[in-house]
């Protein structure tokens, strides 16, 4: 349920809360076809290292149940599937149809089906009973959620006791010189790259802006604690360009 007559941010723009999901959906429908290629170009392949580290620190065990939110083209789901083995279960989910179709097809192509199942899901209202998963992940997706508090509460609800939530997201760069370089890259180069490769500079302008509007490391950790998570920890990667937040259902 949205809150009428309220506003939120869509990048640096203020929009009605009920409009944000549609606007974000338009962005990801536009970039879906070139999403993996652009991720490799934008990060020079480093996003793959971030994601491998992210999943490896989850210490997933064979037979566990994993829910991957905003899973897009399936990078995290594929890594999780290898970790939990044939007796485990991974749900690859995304609110955007175009992204989810690409992820689902990849799971078929790489032989992860039916161990990995795909579901079109809104992270703010998960269609699962309480205590359904051992681990919930979301990588580079939380900043696009309209009501992050609802998503965090839902993540906590569907986790089994002793389960963990892991969030990989762009965050606040800890080095001032690097921050300035990063801003120049984000706002001068990234949209031009998006226009050249994906034919859509505006969507990549939004993605750069959305990073700056996302809560910083300490703020997000506090939000996780308010949602009920215990033993919340933060680990910066690449000087804080991204951060891994972890919380437990205790």
C-alpha atoms as a PDB file:
ATOM      1  CA  UNK A   1       0.000   0.000   0.000  1.00  0.00           C
ATOM      2  CA  UNK A   2       1.353   3.399  -0.983  1.00  0.00           C
ATOM      3  CA  UNK A   3       0.891   6.582   0.978  1.00  0.00           C
ATOM      4  CA  UNK A   4      -1.218   9.039  -1.084  1.00  0.00           C
ATOM      5  CA  UNK A   5      -0.097  12.634  -1.470  1.00  0.00           C
ATOM      6  CA  UNK A   6       3.385  11.740  -0.213  1.00  0.00           C
ATOM      7  CA  UNK A   7       6.577  12.238  -2.162  1.00  0.00           C
ATOM      8  CA  UNK A   8       9.842  10.371  -2.439  1.00  0.00           C
ATOM      9  CA  UNK A   9      12.955  10.646  -4.549  1.00  0.00           C
ATOM     10  CA  UNK A  10      13.493   9.244  -8.001  1.00  0.00           C
ATOM     11  CA  UNK A  11      17.145  10.070  -8.387  1.00  0.00           C
ATOM     12  CA  UNK A  12      17.350  13.782  -7.662  1.00  0.00           C
ATOM     13  CA  UNK A  13      13.715  14.368  -8.613  1.00  0.00           C
ATOM     14  CA  UNK A  14      10.821  14.402  -6.164  1.00  0.00           C
ATOM     15  CA  UNK A  15       7.906  12.241  -7.320  1.00  0.00           C
ATOM     16  CA  UNK A  16       4.709  10.889  -5.807  1.00  0.00           C
ATOM     17  CA  UNK A  17       5.317   7.687  -3.876  1.00  0.00           C
ATOM     18  CA  UNK A  18       2.776   5.817  -5.979  1.00  0.00           C
ATOM     19  CA  UNK A  19       4.687   6.740  -9.148  1.00  0.00           C
ATOM     20  CA  UNK A  20       8.183   5.632  -8.155  1.00  0.00           C
ATOM     21  CA  UNK A  21       7.796   1.903  -8.775  1.00  0.00           C
ATOM     22  CA  UNK A  22       6.522   2.563 -12.298  1.00  0.00           C
ATOM     23  CA  UNK A  23       9.383   4.961 -13.028  1.00  0.00           C
ATOM     24  CA  UNK A  24      11.979   2.523 -11.709  1.00  0.00           C
ATOM     25  CA  UNK A  25      10.313  -0.230 -13.722  1.00  0.00           C
ATOM     26  CA  UNK A  26      10.731   1.850 -16.847  1.00  0.00           C
ATOM     27  CA  UNK A  27      14.441   2.242 -16.153  1.00  0.00           C
ATOM     28  CA  UNK A  28      15.055  -1.485 -15.784  1.00  0.00           C
ATOM     29  CA  UNK A  29      12.826  -2.447 -18.691  1.00  0.00           C
ATOM     30  CA  UNK A  30      14.960  -0.108 -20.800  1.00  0.00           C
ATOM     31  CA  UNK A  31      18.353  -1.400 -19.623  1.00  0.00           C
ATOM     32  CA  UNK A  32      17.522  -5.128 -19.311  1.00  0.00           C
ATOM     33  CA  UNK A  33      18.891  -6.054 -22.728  1.00  0.00           C
ATOM     34  CA  UNK A  34      22.316  -4.571 -22.027  1.00  0.00           C
ATOM     35  CA  UNK A  35      22.357  -4.937 -18.247  1.00  0.00           C
ATOM     36  CA  UNK A  36      25.173  -7.476 -17.924  1.00  0.00           C
ATOM     37  CA  UNK A  37      27.329  -5.834 -20.584  1.00  0.00           C
ATOM     38  CA  UNK A  38      26.913  -2.407 -18.994  1.00  0.00           C
ATOM     39  CA  UNK A  39      27.748  -3.768 -15.528  1.00  0.00           C
ATOM     40  CA  UNK A  40      30.992  -5.171 -16.887  1.00  0.00           C
ATOM     41  CA  UNK A  41      31.852  -1.923 -18.663  1.00  0.00           C
ATOM     42  CA  UNK A  42      30.840   0.384 -15.799  1.00  0.00           C
ATOM     43  CA  UNK A  43      32.821  -1.504 -13.158  1.00  0.00           C
ATOM     44  CA  UNK A  44      35.532  -2.920 -15.442  1.00  0.00           C
ATOM     45  CA  UNK A  45      34.381  -6.324 -14.250  1.00  0.00           C
ATOM     46  CA  UNK A  46      34.849  -5.575 -10.556  1.00  0.00           C
ATOM     47  CA  UNK A  47      31.130  -6.113  -9.849  1.00  0.00           C
ATOM     48  CA  UNK A  48      31.737  -9.824 -10.343  1.00  0.00           C
ATOM     49  CA  UNK A  49      34.382  -9.818  -7.606  1.00  0.00           C
ATOM     50  CA  UNK A  50      32.056  -7.916  -5.279  1.00  0.00           C
ATOM     51  CA  UNK A  51      29.280 -10.446  -5.873  1.00  0.00           C
ATOM     52  CA  UNK A  52      31.524 -13.465  -5.374  1.00  0.00           C
ATOM     53  CA  UNK A  53      32.783 -12.023  -2.102  1.00  0.00           C
ATOM     54  CA  UNK A  54      29.207 -11.217  -1.082  1.00  0.00           C
ATOM     55  CA  UNK A  55      27.984 -14.783  -1.564  1.00  0.00           C
ATOM     56  CA  UNK A  56      31.126 -16.377  -0.138  1.00  0.00           C
ATOM     57  CA  UNK A  57      30.759 -14.443   3.133  1.00  0.00           C
ATOM     58  CA  UNK A  58      27.248 -15.853   3.539  1.00  0.00           C
ATOM     59  CA  UNK A  59      28.865 -19.251   4.251  1.00  0.00           C
ATOM     60  CA  UNK A  60      25.893 -21.006   2.703  1.00  0.00           C
ATOM     61  CA  UNK A  61      25.614 -24.731   3.390  1.00  0.00           C
ATOM     62  CA  UNK A  62      24.212 -27.586   1.301  1.00  0.00           C
ATOM     63  CA  UNK A  63      20.449 -27.886   1.643  1.00  0.00           C
ATOM     64  CA  UNK A  64      19.771 -24.307   2.715  1.00  0.00           C
ATOM     65  CA  UNK A  65      16.957 -22.100   1.384  1.00  0.00           C
ATOM     66  CA  UNK A  66      17.863 -18.753  -0.185  1.00  0.00           C
ATOM     67  CA  UNK A  67      15.673 -15.904  -1.394  1.00  0.00           C
ATOM     68  CA  UNK A  68      17.417 -13.475  -3.746  1.00  0.00           C
ATOM     69  CA  UNK A  69      15.476 -10.218  -4.051  1.00  0.00           C
ATOM     70  CA  UNK A  70      15.869  -7.878  -7.019  1.00  0.00           C
ATOM     71  CA  UNK A  71      17.899 -10.706  -8.493  1.00  0.00           C
ATOM     72  CA  UNK A  72      17.812  -9.429 -12.060  1.00  0.00           C
ATOM     73  CA  UNK A  73      19.812 -11.533 -14.478  1.00  0.00           C
ATOM     74  CA  UNK A  74      20.758 -14.065 -11.826  1.00  0.00           C
ATOM     75  CA  UNK A  75      24.378 -13.427 -10.814  1.00  0.00           C
ATOM     76  CA  UNK A  76      23.703 -13.943  -7.102  1.00  0.00           C
ATOM     77  CA  UNK A  77      21.226 -16.793  -7.603  1.00  0.00           C
ATOM     78  CA  UNK A  78      23.713 -18.752  -9.704  1.00  0.00           C
ATOM     79  CA  UNK A  79      26.444 -18.389  -7.076  1.00  0.00           C
ATOM     80  CA  UNK A  80      24.022 -19.291  -4.270  1.00  0.00           C
ATOM     81  CA  UNK A  81      22.819 -22.360  -6.168  1.00  0.00           C
ATOM     82  CA  UNK A  82      26.350 -23.721  -6.330  1.00  0.00           C
ATOM     83  CA  UNK A  83      26.782 -23.153  -2.596  1.00  0.00           C
ATOM     84  CA  UNK A  84      23.555 -24.839  -1.412  1.00  0.00           C
ATOM     85  CA  UNK A  85      23.852 -27.751  -3.817  1.00  0.00           C
ATOM     86  CA  UNK A  86      21.195 -29.944  -5.343  1.00  0.00           C
ATOM     87  CA  UNK A  87      19.372 -30.392  -2.034  1.00  0.00           C
ATOM     88  CA  UNK A  88      19.071 -26.636  -1.520  1.00  0.00           C
ATOM     89  CA  UNK A  89      16.570 -24.191  -2.949  1.00  0.00           C
ATOM     90  CA  UNK A  90      17.043 -20.714  -4.383  1.00  0.00           C
ATOM     91  CA  UNK A  91      14.256 -18.340  -5.353  1.00  0.00           C
ATOM     92  CA  UNK A  92      15.367 -15.781  -7.920  1.00  0.00           C
ATOM     93  CA  UNK A  93      12.976 -12.851  -7.691  1.00  0.00           C
ATOM     94  CA  UNK A  94      12.551  -9.445  -9.248  1.00  0.00           C
ATOM     95  CA  UNK A  95       9.678  -6.980  -9.592  1.00  0.00           C
ATOM     96  CA  UNK A  96      10.636  -6.228 -13.192  1.00  0.00           C
ATOM     97  CA  UNK A  97       9.409  -8.702 -15.794  1.00  0.00           C
ATOM     98  CA  UNK A  98      12.092  -8.047 -18.397  1.00  0.00           C
ATOM     99  CA  UNK A  99      14.908  -8.525 -15.904  1.00  0.00           C
ATOM    100  CA  UNK A 100      13.340 -11.637 -14.406  1.00  0.00           C
ATOM    101  CA  UNK A 101      12.831 -13.287 -17.782  1.00  0.00           C
ATOM    102  CA  UNK A 102      16.517 -12.876 -18.538  1.00  0.00           C
ATOM    103  CA  UNK A 103      17.466 -14.308 -15.155  1.00  0.00           C
ATOM    104  CA  UNK A 104      15.066 -17.230 -15.516  1.00  0.00           C
ATOM    105  CA  UNK A 105      16.383 -18.064 -18.980  1.00  0.00           C
ATOM    106  CA  UNK A 106      19.930 -17.949 -17.675  1.00  0.00           C
ATOM    107  CA  UNK A 107      19.044 -20.411 -14.916  1.00  0.00           C
ATOM    108  CA  UNK A 108      17.718 -22.802 -17.570  1.00  0.00           C
ATOM    109  CA  UNK A 109      20.777 -22.337 -19.789  1.00  0.00           C
ATOM    110  CA  UNK A 110      23.235 -22.924 -16.936  1.00  0.00           C
ATOM    111  CA  UNK A 111      21.436 -26.011 -15.648  1.00  0.00           C
ATOM    112  CA  UNK A 112      20.225 -24.582 -12.335  1.00  0.00           C
ATOM    113  CA  UNK A 113      16.561 -25.413 -12.981  1.00  0.00           C
ATOM    114  CA  UNK A 114      14.507 -26.588 -11.046  1.00  0.00           C
ATOM    115  CA  UNK A 115      16.841 -25.992  -8.083  1.00  0.00           C
ATOM    116  CA  UNK A 116      16.501 -22.255  -8.796  1.00  0.00           C
ATOM    117  CA  UNK A 117      12.946 -21.064  -9.282  1.00  0.00           C
ATOM    118  CA  UNK A 118      11.914 -17.624 -10.530  1.00  0.00           C
ATOM    119  CA  UNK A 119       9.148 -15.441  -9.131  1.00  0.00           C
ATOM    120  CA  UNK A 120       8.015 -11.904  -9.883  1.00  0.00           C
ATOM    121  CA  UNK A 121       7.926 -10.339  -6.429  1.00  0.00           C
ATOM    122  CA  UNK A 122       7.668  -6.933  -4.806  1.00  0.00           C
ATOM    123  CA  UNK A 123      10.257  -6.820  -2.020  1.00  0.00           C
ATOM    124  CA  UNK A 124       7.862  -4.760   0.120  1.00  0.00           C
ATOM    125  CA  UNK A 125       5.257  -7.566   0.240  1.00  0.00           C
ATOM    126  CA  UNK A 126       6.801 -11.030   0.081  1.00  0.00           C
ATOM    127  CA  UNK A 127       4.354 -13.876  -0.703  1.00  0.00           C
ATOM    128  CA  UNK A 128       5.999 -16.361   1.656  1.00  0.00           C
ATOM    129  CA  UNK A 129       5.109 -17.612   5.149  1.00  0.00           C
ATOM    130  CA  UNK A 130       7.134 -16.618   8.187  1.00  0.00           C
ATOM    131  CA  UNK A 131      10.426 -18.470   8.704  1.00  0.00           C
ATOM    132  CA  UNK A 132      10.686 -19.709   5.099  1.00  0.00           C
ATOM    133  CA  UNK A 133      14.365 -19.061   4.314  1.00  0.00           C
ATOM    134  CA  UNK A 134      17.801 -19.469   5.822  1.00  0.00           C
ATOM    135  CA  UNK A 135      19.208 -16.512   3.913  1.00  0.00           C
ATOM    136  CA  UNK A 136      17.776 -13.493   2.083  1.00  0.00           C
ATOM    137  CA  UNK A 137      20.008 -11.532  -0.274  1.00  0.00           C
ATOM    138  CA  UNK A 138      19.565  -8.330  -2.216  1.00  0.00           C
ATOM    139  CA  UNK A 139      22.367  -6.950  -4.382  1.00  0.00           C
ATOM    140  CA  UNK A 140      22.183  -3.473  -5.916  1.00  0.00           C
ATOM    141  CA  UNK A 141      18.423  -3.429  -5.544  1.00  0.00           C
ATOM    142  CA  UNK A 142      17.487  -1.938  -2.194  1.00  0.00           C
ATOM    143  CA  UNK A 143      18.123   1.638  -3.293  1.00  0.00           C
ATOM    144  CA  UNK A 144      15.363   1.278  -5.905  1.00  0.00           C
ATOM    145  CA  UNK A 145      12.733   0.183  -3.373  1.00  0.00           C
ATOM    146  CA  UNK A 146      10.217   2.910  -2.506  1.00  0.00           C
ATOM    147  CA  UNK A 147       9.689   1.920   1.132  1.00  0.00           C
ATOM    148  CA  UNK A 148      12.950   0.365   2.267  1.00  0.00           C
ATOM    149  CA  UNK A 149      11.679  -0.082   5.833  1.00  0.00           C
ATOM    150  CA  UNK A 150       8.907  -2.367   4.569  1.00  0.00           C
ATOM    151  CA  UNK A 151      11.342  -4.437   2.535  1.00  0.00           C
ATOM    152  CA  UNK A 152      13.680  -4.858   5.500  1.00  0.00           C
ATOM    153  CA  UNK A 153      10.777  -5.864   7.753  1.00  0.00           C
ATOM    154  CA  UNK A 154       9.631  -8.418   5.182  1.00  0.00           C
ATOM    155  CA  UNK A 155      13.139  -9.810   4.848  1.00  0.00           C
ATOM    156  CA  UNK A 156      13.238 -10.265   8.603  1.00  0.00           C
ATOM    157  CA  UNK A 157       9.795 -11.889   8.689  1.00  0.00           C
ATOM    158  CA  UNK A 158      10.498 -14.591   6.092  1.00  0.00           C
ATOM    159  CA  UNK A 159      13.840 -15.555   7.620  1.00  0.00           C
ATOM    160  CA  UNK A 160      13.968 -18.579   9.871  1.00  0.00           C
ATOM    161  CA  UNK A 161      15.326 -18.100  13.383  1.00  0.00           C
ATOM    162  CA  UNK A 162      19.103 -17.879  13.074  1.00  0.00           C
ATOM    163  CA  UNK A 163      18.861 -16.864   9.422  1.00  0.00           C
ATOM    164  CA  UNK A 164      20.734 -13.963   7.889  1.00  0.00           C
ATOM    165  CA  UNK A 165      19.993 -11.092   5.535  1.00  0.00           C
ATOM    166  CA  UNK A 166      22.763  -9.795   3.298  1.00  0.00           C
ATOM    167  CA  UNK A 167      22.628  -6.505   1.423  1.00  0.00           C
ATOM    168  CA  UNK A 168      25.176  -5.526  -1.213  1.00  0.00           C
ATOM    169  CA  UNK A 169      24.713  -1.924  -2.265  1.00  0.00           C
ATOM    170  CA  UNK A 170      26.530   1.175  -3.401  1.00  0.00           C
ATOM    171  CA  UNK A 171      27.343   3.321  -0.416  1.00  0.00           C
ATOM    172  CA  UNK A 172      29.337   6.349   0.719  1.00  0.00           C
ATOM    173  CA  UNK A 173      32.941   6.469  -0.442  1.00  0.00           C
ATOM    174  CA  UNK A 174      35.274   6.866   2.532  1.00  0.00           C
ATOM    175  CA  UNK A 175      38.081   8.696   0.712  1.00  0.00           C
ATOM    176  CA  UNK A 176      37.492  12.340  -0.244  1.00  0.00           C
ATOM    177  CA  UNK A 177      39.850  12.340  -3.286  1.00  0.00           C
ATOM    178  CA  UNK A 178      38.326   9.080  -4.538  1.00  0.00           C
ATOM    179  CA  UNK A 179      34.830  10.464  -3.911  1.00  0.00           C
ATOM    180  CA  UNK A 180      35.487  13.389  -6.240  1.00  0.00           C
ATOM    181  CA  UNK A 181      36.801  11.104  -8.970  1.00  0.00           C
ATOM    182  CA  UNK A 182      33.840   8.809  -8.477  1.00  0.00           C
ATOM    183  CA  UNK A 183      31.400  11.703  -8.846  1.00  0.00           C
ATOM    184  CA  UNK A 184      33.056  12.806 -12.067  1.00  0.00           C
ATOM    185  CA  UNK A 185      32.841   9.277 -13.448  1.00  0.00           C
ATOM    186  CA  UNK A 186      29.233   8.800 -12.314  1.00  0.00           C
ATOM    187  CA  UNK A 187      27.818  12.020 -13.720  1.00  0.00           C
ATOM    188  CA  UNK A 188      30.057  12.735 -16.692  1.00  0.00           C
ATOM    189  CA  UNK A 189      31.078   9.364 -18.098  1.00  0.00           C
ATOM    190  CA  UNK A 190      28.419   6.874 -17.001  1.00  0.00           C
ATOM    191  CA  UNK A 191      25.409   8.524 -18.733  1.00  0.00           C
ATOM    192  CA  UNK A 192      27.434   8.934 -21.925  1.00  0.00           C
ATOM    193  CA  UNK A 193      28.444   5.285 -21.784  1.00  0.00           C
ATOM    194  CA  UNK A 194      24.807   4.339 -21.277  1.00  0.00           C
ATOM    195  CA  UNK A 195      23.755   6.391 -24.276  1.00  0.00           C
ATOM    196  CA  UNK A 196      26.518   4.973 -26.464  1.00  0.00           C
ATOM    197  CA  UNK A 197      26.122   1.282 -25.536  1.00  0.00           C
ATOM    198  CA  UNK A 198      22.512   0.967 -24.377  1.00  0.00           C
ATOM    199  CA  UNK A 199      21.012   3.929 -26.195  1.00  0.00           C
ATOM    200  CA  UNK A 200      19.713   5.292 -22.899  1.00  0.00           C
ATOM    201  CA  UNK A 201      21.720   7.918 -21.068  1.00  0.00           C
ATOM    202  CA  UNK A 202      18.785   9.033 -18.894  1.00  0.00           C
ATOM    203  CA  UNK A 203      18.430   5.664 -17.154  1.00  0.00           C
ATOM    204  CA  UNK A 204      22.100   5.626 -16.222  1.00  0.00           C
ATOM    205  CA  UNK A 205      21.827   9.206 -15.020  1.00  0.00           C
ATOM    206  CA  UNK A 206      19.068   7.995 -12.690  1.00  0.00           C
ATOM    207  CA  UNK A 207      21.180   5.070 -11.506  1.00  0.00           C
ATOM    208  CA  UNK A 208      24.025   7.428 -10.603  1.00  0.00           C
ATOM    209  CA  UNK A 209      21.630   9.747  -8.781  1.00  0.00           C
ATOM    210  CA  UNK A 210      19.945   6.887  -6.920  1.00  0.00           C
ATOM    211  CA  UNK A 211      23.274   5.923  -5.376  1.00  0.00           C
ATOM    212  CA  UNK A 212      23.628   9.381  -3.838  1.00  0.00           C
ATOM    213  CA  UNK A 213      20.130   9.220  -2.376  1.00  0.00           C
ATOM    214  CA  UNK A 214      20.657   5.805  -0.787  1.00  0.00           C
ATOM    215  CA  UNK A 215      21.276   5.707   2.990  1.00  0.00           C
ATOM    216  CA  UNK A 216      24.934   5.616   3.977  1.00  0.00           C
ATOM    217  CA  UNK A 217      26.499   2.722   5.869  1.00  0.00           C
ATOM    218  CA  UNK A 218      25.528   3.797   9.390  1.00  0.00           C
ATOM    219  CA  UNK A 219      22.013   4.848   8.425  1.00  0.00           C
ATOM    220  CA  UNK A 220      21.240   1.566   6.692  1.00  0.00           C
ATOM    221  CA  UNK A 221      22.658  -0.402   9.626  1.00  0.00           C
ATOM    222  CA  UNK A 222      20.310   1.519  11.925  1.00  0.00           C
ATOM    223  CA  UNK A 223      17.363   0.766   9.632  1.00  0.00           C
ATOM    224  CA  UNK A 224      18.177  -2.930   9.800  1.00  0.00           C
ATOM    225  CA  UNK A 225      18.228  -2.821  13.586  1.00  0.00           C
ATOM    226  CA  UNK A 226      14.869  -1.032  13.610  1.00  0.00           C
ATOM    227  CA  UNK A 227      13.489  -3.825  11.400  1.00  0.00           C
ATOM    228  CA  UNK A 228      14.454  -6.345  14.085  1.00  0.00           C
ATOM    229  CA  UNK A 229      17.827  -7.594  12.928  1.00  0.00           C
ATOM    230  CA  UNK A 230      20.499  -8.366  15.472  1.00  0.00           C
ATOM    231  CA  UNK A 231      24.308  -8.497  15.230  1.00  0.00           C
ATOM    232  CA  UNK A 232      24.223  -6.058  12.316  1.00  0.00           C
ATOM    233  CA  UNK A 233      27.617  -5.555  10.691  1.00  0.00           C
ATOM    234  CA  UNK A 234      28.989  -3.521   7.802  1.00  0.00           C
ATOM    235  CA  UNK A 235      31.979  -4.231   5.582  1.00  0.00           C
ATOM    236  CA  UNK A 236      33.159  -1.697   3.026  1.00  0.00           C
ATOM    237  CA  UNK A 237      34.510  -2.870  -0.304  1.00  0.00           C
ATOM    238  CA  UNK A 238      36.577  -0.700  -2.648  1.00  0.00           C
ATOM    239  CA  UNK A 239      36.847   2.103  -0.081  1.00  0.00           C
ATOM    240  CA  UNK A 240      33.095   2.208   0.445  1.00  0.00           C
ATOM    241  CA  UNK A 241      32.006   2.414  -3.176  1.00  0.00           C
ATOM    242  CA  UNK A 242      29.949  -0.587  -2.131  1.00  0.00           C
ATOM    243  CA  UNK A 243      29.229  -2.068   1.282  1.00  0.00           C
ATOM    244  CA  UNK A 244      27.985  -5.410   2.564  1.00  0.00           C
ATOM    245  CA  UNK A 245      25.433  -5.171   5.378  1.00  0.00           C
ATOM    246  CA  UNK A 246      24.592  -8.312   7.317  1.00  0.00           C
ATOM    247  CA  UNK A 247      21.934  -8.875   9.953  1.00  0.00           C
ATOM    248  CA  UNK A 248      20.625 -11.932  11.767  1.00  0.00           C
ATOM    249  CA  UNK A 249      17.203 -13.011  12.943  1.00  0.00           C
ATOM    250  CA  UNK A 250      17.900 -13.721  16.603  1.00  0.00           C
END
